[in-house]
Protein backbone atom coordinates (compact mmCIF):
# COMPACT_ATOMS: atom_id res chain seq x y z
CA UNK A 1 -24.69 -8.80 -25.76
CA UNK A 2 -21.78 -6.06 -25.01
CA UNK A 3 -24.06 -3.34 -23.25
CA UNK A 4 -25.89 -6.28 -21.55
CA UNK A 5 -22.84 -7.73 -19.54
CA UNK A 6 -21.51 -4.26 -19.19
CA UNK A 7 -25.03 -3.22 -17.45
CA UNK A 8 -24.70 -6.58 -15.32
CA UNK A 9 -21.30 -5.46 -13.97
CA UNK A 10 -21.71 -1.60 -13.69
CA UNK A 11 -25.62 -1.10 -12.35
CA UNK A 12 -25.05 -1.50 -9.23
CA UNK A 13 -24.65 1.33 -6.68
CA UNK A 14 -21.36 0.04 -5.62
CA UNK A 15 -20.00 0.90 -8.91
CA UNK A 16 -21.00 4.72 -9.12
CA UNK A 17 -19.92 5.13 -5.36
CA UNK A 18 -16.80 3.63 -6.21
CA UNK A 19 -16.00 5.59 -9.15
CA UNK A 20 -16.86 9.03 -7.48
CA UNK A 21 -14.14 7.95 -4.42
CA UNK A 22 -11.64 7.61 -7.15
CA UNK A 23 -12.42 11.20 -8.69
CA UNK A 24 -12.57 12.49 -5.47
CA UNK A 25 -9.54 10.90 -4.28
CA UNK A 26 -7.67 12.21 -7.25
CA UNK A 27 -8.81 15.66 -6.44
CA UNK A 28 -8.02 15.79 -3.17
CA UNK A 29 -4.69 14.48 -3.52
CA UNK A 30 -3.94 16.71 -5.72
CA UNK A 31 -4.74 19.58 -3.47
CA UNK A 32 -3.16 18.58 -0.35
CA UNK A 33 -0.05 17.10 -1.98
CA UNK A 34 0.46 20.06 -4.87
CA UNK A 35 -1.69 23.22 -4.04
CA UNK A 36 -1.80 23.17 -0.55
CA UNK A 37 1.68 21.72 -0.25
CA UNK A 38 3.23 24.70 -2.09
CA UNK A 39 5.23 27.60 -0.56
CA UNK A 40 7.19 30.01 -2.12
CA UNK A 41 9.47 32.82 -0.66
CA UNK A 42 10.56 35.53 -2.85
CA UNK A 43 12.33 38.83 -1.81
CA UNK A 44 10.63 38.32 1.55
CA UNK A 45 7.47 37.55 1.08
CA UNK A 46 5.76 34.59 1.65
CA UNK A 47 3.15 32.96 -1.30
CA UNK A 48 1.00 30.03 -0.90
CA UNK A 49 -1.33 27.70 -2.78
CA UNK A 50 -1.79 28.80 -6.25
CA UNK A 51 -0.49 32.11 -5.66
CA UNK A 52 2.68 30.11 -4.79
CA UNK A 53 2.61 28.39 -8.05
CA UNK A 54 1.71 31.21 -9.94
CA UNK A 55 4.78 32.74 -8.28
CA UNK A 56 6.49 29.78 -8.79
CA UNK A 57 5.93 29.36 -12.70
CA UNK A 58 7.43 32.75 -13.33
CA UNK A 59 10.53 32.59 -11.65
CA UNK A 60 11.14 29.78 -13.55
CA UNK A 61 10.15 30.79 -16.79
CA UNK A 62 13.25 33.11 -17.72
CA UNK A 63 15.30 30.06 -17.29
CA UNK A 64 13.45 27.35 -19.42
CA UNK A 65 15.82 25.05 -21.89
CA UNK A 66 19.21 23.70 -22.03
CA UNK A 67 20.79 23.83 -18.53
CA UNK A 68 24.09 25.08 -17.96
CA UNK A 69 26.49 25.64 -15.19
CA UNK A 70 26.08 29.85 -15.93
CA UNK A 71 21.91 29.39 -15.44
CA UNK A 72 22.99 28.09 -12.04
CA UNK A 73 25.07 30.30 -11.21
CA UNK A 74 22.47 33.08 -12.28
CA UNK A 75 19.73 31.68 -10.10
CA UNK A 76 22.12 31.26 -6.84
CA UNK A 77 23.23 35.04 -7.49
CA UNK A 78 19.59 36.31 -7.86
CA UNK A 79 18.09 33.90 -5.14
CA UNK A 80 20.54 32.31 -2.85
CA UNK A 81 21.03 28.97 -1.92
CA UNK A 82 17.55 27.47 -0.32
CA UNK A 83 17.60 27.11 3.08
CA UNK A 84 15.15 24.04 3.76
CA UNK A 85 15.96 23.39 7.26
CA UNK A 86 15.69 26.80 8.67
CA UNK A 87 13.49 28.36 6.16
CA UNK A 88 15.31 31.33 6.22
CA UNK A 89 15.85 33.61 2.63
CA UNK A 90 14.62 33.10 -0.93
CA UNK A 91 13.05 29.69 -1.19
CA UNK A 92 11.62 28.62 -5.14
CA UNK A 93 11.43 25.36 -7.53
CA UNK A 94 14.53 27.31 -9.14
CA UNK A 95 17.21 27.64 -6.68
CA UNK A 96 16.07 24.73 -4.44
CA UNK A 97 16.41 22.23 -7.02
CA UNK A 98 19.74 23.90 -7.99
CA UNK A 99 20.79 23.50 -4.09
CA UNK A 100 19.52 20.22 -3.92
CA UNK A 101 21.15 18.76 -7.27
CA UNK A 102 24.16 20.85 -7.79
CA UNK A 103 25.80 22.00 -5.12
CA UNK A 104 27.21 20.22 -1.72
CA UNK A 105 24.44 21.50 0.47
CA UNK A 106 23.61 19.57 3.24
CA UNK A 107 26.98 17.25 3.20
CA UNK A 108 29.50 18.42 5.97
CA UNK A 109 32.56 18.12 3.70
CA UNK A 110 34.29 20.76 5.43
CA UNK A 111 34.69 22.80 2.37
CA UNK A 112 31.58 25.50 2.76
CA UNK A 113 28.56 25.11 0.30
CA UNK A 114 29.86 25.53 -3.31
CA UNK A 115 28.59 24.74 -6.56
CA UNK A 116 29.58 21.11 -7.60
CA UNK A 117 32.33 21.51 -10.59
CA UNK A 118 32.40 18.53 -13.07
CA UNK A 119 34.62 16.23 -11.44
CA UNK A 120 32.37 16.10 -8.16
CA UNK A 121 29.26 14.94 -9.93
CA UNK A 122 27.87 13.02 -12.28
CA UNK A 123 24.74 15.56 -12.70
CA UNK A 124 27.22 18.27 -12.95
CA UNK A 125 28.70 16.61 -15.74
CA UNK A 126 25.09 15.89 -17.84
CA UNK A 127 24.56 19.59 -17.21
CA UNK A 128 28.22 20.37 -18.54
CA UNK A 129 27.80 17.76 -21.62
CA UNK A 130 24.38 19.74 -22.69
CA UNK A 131 21.84 16.72 -21.78
CA UNK A 132 19.57 18.47 -18.85
CA UNK A 133 16.89 20.41 -20.08
CA UNK A 134 15.45 22.81 -17.16
CA UNK A 135 11.76 23.56 -17.01
CA UNK A 136 9.09 23.78 -14.09
CA UNK A 137 8.60 20.10 -13.41
CA UNK A 138 7.09 20.93 -9.76
CA UNK A 139 3.53 19.37 -10.40
CA UNK A 140 4.57 16.70 -12.54
CA UNK A 141 6.57 15.79 -9.55
CA UNK A 142 3.69 15.73 -7.53
CA UNK A 143 1.65 14.33 -10.34
CA UNK A 144 3.80 10.34 -10.00
CA UNK A 145 2.70 10.45 -6.16
CA UNK A 146 -0.95 11.23 -7.22
CA UNK A 147 -1.18 9.20 -9.76
CA UNK A 148 0.41 6.43 -7.90
CA UNK A 149 -2.24 5.94 -5.45
CA UNK A 150 -5.00 6.79 -7.66
CA UNK A 151 -4.26 3.67 -9.56
CA UNK A 152 -3.97 1.17 -6.50
CA UNK A 153 -6.81 2.73 -5.59
CA UNK A 154 -8.48 1.96 -9.17
CA UNK A 155 -7.04 -1.89 -9.28
CA UNK A 156 -9.10 -2.29 -5.96
CA UNK A 157 -12.05 -0.68 -7.15
CA UNK A 158 -11.54 -3.00 -10.45
CA UNK A 159 -11.60 -6.20 -7.99
CA UNK A 160 -15.21 -5.23 -6.44
CA UNK A 161 -16.67 -4.38 -10.00
CA UNK A 162 -15.75 -7.24 -11.91
CA UNK A 163 -16.07 -10.28 -9.12
CA UNK A 164 -19.43 -10.32 -9.85
CA UNK A 165 -18.31 -11.36 -14.04
CA UNK A 166 -18.96 -15.47 -13.16
CA UNK A 167 -19.15 -15.91 -9.44
CA UNK A 168 -22.37 -13.81 -9.14
CA UNK A 169 -24.02 -16.00 -11.99
CA UNK A 170 -22.92 -19.36 -9.90
CA UNK A 171 -24.66 -17.88 -6.90
CA UNK A 172 -27.66 -16.84 -8.47
CA UNK A 173 -27.78 -20.22 -10.36
CA UNK A 174 -27.82 -18.52 -13.81
CA UNK A 175 -24.68 -20.12 -15.19
CA UNK A 176 -25.86 -23.35 -15.93
CA UNK A 177 -29.27 -21.42 -18.21
CA UNK A 178 -26.97 -19.25 -19.88
CA UNK A 179 -24.39 -21.74 -20.62
CA UNK A 180 -26.96 -23.78 -22.76
CA UNK A 181 -27.95 -20.77 -24.70
CA UNK A 182 -26.50 -20.96 -28.38
CA UNK A 183 -23.54 -18.40 -27.72
CA UNK A 184 -23.15 -19.31 -23.92
CA UNK A 185 -19.79 -21.25 -24.13
CA UNK A 186 -17.61 -19.33 -26.89
CA UNK A 187 -19.20 -15.98 -27.33
CA UNK A 188 -20.69 -15.61 -23.61
CA UNK A 189 -17.07 -15.41 -22.49
CA UNK A 190 -15.34 -13.82 -24.91
CA UNK A 191 -18.10 -10.68 -24.52
CA UNK A 192 -17.50 -11.05 -20.47
CA UNK A 193 -13.68 -10.74 -21.35
CA UNK A 194 -14.46 -8.03 -23.58
CA UNK A 195 -16.18 -6.16 -21.20
CA UNK A 196 -13.81 -6.68 -18.13
CA UNK A 197 -10.83 -5.44 -20.51
CA UNK A 198 -12.71 -2.04 -21.61
CA UNK A 199 -13.49 -1.34 -18.32
CA UNK A 200 -9.88 -1.58 -17.09
CA UNK A 201 -8.62 0.32 -20.07
CA UNK A 202 -10.79 2.64 -20.25
CA UNK A 203 -10.89 3.57 -16.24
CA UNK A 204 -6.89 3.63 -16.61
CA UNK A 205 -6.82 5.81 -19.43
CA UNK A 206 -9.95 8.24 -17.91
CA UNK A 207 -8.28 8.73 -14.63
CA UNK A 208 -4.78 9.27 -16.39
CA UNK A 209 -5.98 12.00 -18.60
CA UNK A 210 -8.34 13.53 -15.36
CA UNK A 211 -5.06 13.98 -13.07
CA UNK A 212 -3.07 14.85 -15.88
CA UNK A 213 -5.35 17.56 -17.08
CA UNK A 214 -5.65 18.80 -13.43
CA UNK A 215 -1.91 19.19 -13.08
CA UNK A 216 -1.26 20.56 -17.01
CA UNK A 217 -3.90 23.46 -16.06
CA UNK A 218 -2.79 23.79 -12.48
CA UNK A 219 0.77 23.93 -13.17
CA UNK A 220 1.25 24.46 -16.66
CA UNK A 221 2.65 21.83 -19.76
CA UNK A 222 5.84 23.70 -20.22
CA UNK A 223 7.23 21.24 -18.16
CA UNK A 224 6.70 18.14 -20.40
CA UNK A 225 9.88 19.34 -22.30
CA UNK A 226 12.26 19.65 -19.82
CA UNK A 227 14.51 16.73 -18.60
CA UNK A 228 12.82 13.73 -16.55
CA UNK A 229 15.84 13.76 -14.13
CA UNK A 230 14.54 16.97 -12.44
CA UNK A 231 11.79 14.82 -10.63
CA UNK A 232 12.17 13.96 -7.31
CA UNK A 233 10.68 10.26 -8.13
CA UNK A 234 12.75 9.75 -11.48
CA UNK A 235 16.39 8.53 -10.99
CA UNK A 236 18.59 11.43 -11.68
CA UNK A 237 20.79 9.39 -14.87
CA UNK A 238 17.40 9.40 -16.76
CA UNK A 239 18.01 11.10 -20.07
CA UNK A 240 14.38 11.53 -20.97
CA UNK A 241 12.04 14.24 -21.30
CA UNK A 242 9.47 14.10 -18.76
CA UNK A 243 6.73 13.50 -21.20
CA UNK A 244 8.39 10.12 -22.49
CA UNK A 245 8.16 9.14 -18.65
CA UNK A 246 4.45 9.84 -18.46
CA UNK A 247 4.05 7.99 -21.46
CA UNK A 248 5.46 5.08 -20.16
CA UNK A 249 3.98 5.38 -16.79
CA UNK A 250 0.59 5.07 -18.72
CA UNK A 251 1.72 2.59 -20.68
CA UNK A 252 2.51 0.65 -17.47
CA UNK A 253 -0.83 0.84 -15.92
CA UNK A 254 -2.46 -0.27 -18.73
CA UNK A 255 -0.68 -3.30 -18.58
CA UNK A 256 -0.67 -3.96 -15.06
CA UNK A 257 -4.67 -3.03 -14.95
CA UNK A 258 -4.90 -5.55 -17.67
CA UNK A 259 -3.13 -8.40 -16.23
CA UNK A 260 -5.07 -7.49 -12.56
CA UNK A 261 -8.06 -8.15 -14.53
CA UNK A 262 -7.17 -11.32 -16.08
CA UNK A 263 -6.12 -12.68 -12.73
CA UNK A 264 -9.53 -11.27 -10.95
CA UNK A 265 -11.50 -13.35 -14.25
CA UNK A 266 -9.83 -16.29 -13.12
CA UNK A 267 -10.28 -16.09 -9.93
CA UNK A 268 -14.29 -15.05 -10.14
CA UNK A 269 -14.58 -18.25 -12.17
CA UNK A 270 -13.22 -20.39 -9.71
CA UNK A 271 -15.59 -19.78 -6.53
CA UNK A 272 -19.04 -18.93 -6.06
CA UNK A 273 -19.32 -16.25 -3.40
CA UNK A 274 -18.35 -12.72 -4.94
CA UNK A 275 -17.49 -11.01 -1.59
CA UNK A 276 -14.52 -14.11 -1.34
CA UNK A 277 -13.47 -13.12 -4.73
CA UNK A 278 -13.14 -9.27 -3.65
CA UNK A 279 -11.30 -10.14 -0.60
CA UNK A 280 -8.49 -12.87 -3.01
CA UNK A 281 -8.57 -10.37 -5.49
CA UNK A 282 -7.17 -7.69 -3.39
CA UNK A 283 -4.78 -9.98 -1.75
CA UNK A 284 -3.68 -11.34 -4.44
CA UNK A 285 -2.90 -7.46 -5.98
CA UNK A 286 -1.12 -6.24 -2.52
CA UNK A 287 0.86 -9.90 -2.24
CA UNK A 288 4.03 -8.80 -4.11
CA UNK A 289 4.26 -5.84 -2.16
CA UNK A 290 4.15 -8.19 1.29
CA UNK A 291 6.28 -10.81 0.07
CA UNK A 292 8.89 -7.64 -1.61
CA UNK A 293 9.07 -6.02 1.94
CA UNK A 294 9.24 -9.39 3.78
CA UNK A 295 12.51 -9.68 1.67
CA UNK A 296 13.55 -6.43 2.55
CA UNK A 297 13.03 -6.60 5.61
CA UNK A 298 13.79 -9.91 7.45
CA UNK A 299 15.09 -12.22 4.92
CA UNK A 300 19.30 -11.50 4.57
CA UNK A 301 20.46 -10.08 1.61
CA UNK A 302 20.73 -13.30 -0.99
CA UNK A 303 20.72 -14.34 -4.25
CA UNK A 304 17.20 -15.93 -3.91
CA UNK A 305 15.83 -12.79 -1.71
CA UNK A 306 17.20 -10.84 -4.82
CA UNK A 307 15.35 -13.16 -7.33
CA UNK A 308 12.43 -13.25 -5.34
CA UNK A 309 12.46 -9.73 -5.51
CA UNK A 310 12.37 -9.52 -8.69
CA UNK A 311 9.74 -12.14 -9.18
CA UNK A 312 7.57 -10.09 -7.57
CA UNK A 313 7.98 -6.77 -10.10
CA UNK A 314 6.29 -9.39 -12.64
CA UNK A 315 3.04 -8.82 -11.26
CA UNK A 316 0.33 -6.11 -11.30
CA UNK A 317 1.29 -3.99 -8.11
CA UNK A 318 5.32 -3.51 -9.31
CA UNK A 319 4.19 -3.80 -12.95
CA UNK A 320 3.10 -0.17 -12.48
CA UNK A 321 6.31 0.95 -11.77
CA UNK A 322 8.26 -0.67 -14.52
CA UNK A 323 9.15 2.86 -16.01
CA UNK A 324 11.46 3.57 -13.49
CA UNK A 325 13.37 0.32 -13.37
CA UNK A 326 16.56 0.10 -14.84
CA UNK A 327 16.60 -3.75 -15.74
CA UNK A 328 18.29 -5.20 -18.44
CA UNK A 329 17.09 -5.43 -21.69
CA UNK A 330 16.62 -9.26 -21.60
CA UNK A 331 14.81 -8.76 -18.48
CA UNK A 332 12.49 -6.28 -19.77
CA UNK A 333 11.93 -9.00 -22.84
CA UNK A 334 11.00 -11.64 -20.49
CA UNK A 335 8.43 -9.59 -18.34
CA UNK A 336 6.72 -8.34 -21.74
CA UNK A 337 6.61 -12.39 -22.70
CA UNK A 338 5.50 -13.12 -18.94
CA UNK A 339 2.68 -10.63 -19.43
CA UNK A 340 1.59 -12.15 -22.59
CA UNK A 341 1.55 -15.70 -21.22
CA UNK A 342 0.21 -15.30 -17.83
CA UNK A 343 -2.66 -13.41 -18.81
CA UNK A 344 -3.86 -15.78 -21.94
CA UNK A 345 -3.61 -18.57 -18.94
CA UNK A 346 -5.34 -16.81 -16.79
CA UNK A 347 -8.17 -16.06 -19.50
CA UNK A 348 -7.92 -20.10 -21.11
CA UNK A 349 -8.24 -20.87 -17.34
CA UNK A 350 -11.51 -18.92 -16.57
CA UNK A 351 -12.89 -19.92 -19.66
CA UNK A 352 -12.26 -23.81 -19.15
CA UNK A 353 -13.86 -23.45 -15.55
CA UNK A 354 -16.87 -21.57 -16.42
CA UNK A 355 -17.82 -24.01 -19.31
CA UNK A 356 -17.31 -27.07 -17.16
CA UNK A 357 -19.67 -25.92 -15.22
CA UNK A 358 -22.73 -26.99 -16.59
CA UNK A 359 -21.85 -30.63 -16.39
CA UNK A 360 -21.34 -29.63 -12.70
CA UNK A 361 -17.28 -30.38 -12.53
């Protein structure tokens, strides 16, 4: 039964074309946001693309390990401050990082550009305390952006291929026949759930592994041991290494794909038009983002708008970003319990709706 249900969802051309589009988006964005966008200037010579990545990795290699104020001074002595505005002088990952995070560059305080002292900067205090491990993380910063974009596309793709699980049987009027079979009501529904959830988890793991290996082979895996605070999209106060953040990202994306699939299954059980189910599934996925934008852009800051934004983080679109939230422990536990309860509720309601189809309800 598993193979039959899997074939019913994946035999259409849209499933194959959509999967190839996902892979294409991943590769294309990897190139334009990573390789094509990398420029290194060293000793008056400019490197671009793959050549720039190789040069950048070589420059960063001697400084890997525990970050110290001495290393920061050595980087600035050798390569100078990074001038990102005028693009003059040396520019590489090392001096760009030190300039942005450990100096007053770009902040007109009247004291001239200089390295922060521990009294002037929280990040410098972390460095002084030996809490920051340096490594080449340029590629892993780009990985976060790339994977998040691909995952949003993946959820829309899941909406398209999972939609027929119930609605197509309604539309073809085969649901009534299937429900009269020995395993129609119970095992049949469970098998549909197993196929849909296996697809969601399997595709999520595949796309994560695919993008992870692309970035790893080009940018190197050395940066995984570095502190995650070196990455652009991560809170500078984060103490975890890069690999921990990526592991949390993978876990959150699996949970988000699972909940999105459960919601789509429930919607599919309620309507007989597959196209309508696709539209509703995509809308419910993007709705938390739209509500959050309204609460941020239109509504005044209030207790209601703050709770509204917090509620939106419980649903699949923002569940992906849960790795980056500094939520209280109590809310994290509530979020996990809500995930279990809401996912289970969607599956229970879907099974009940499907089972009642036979009675014409």
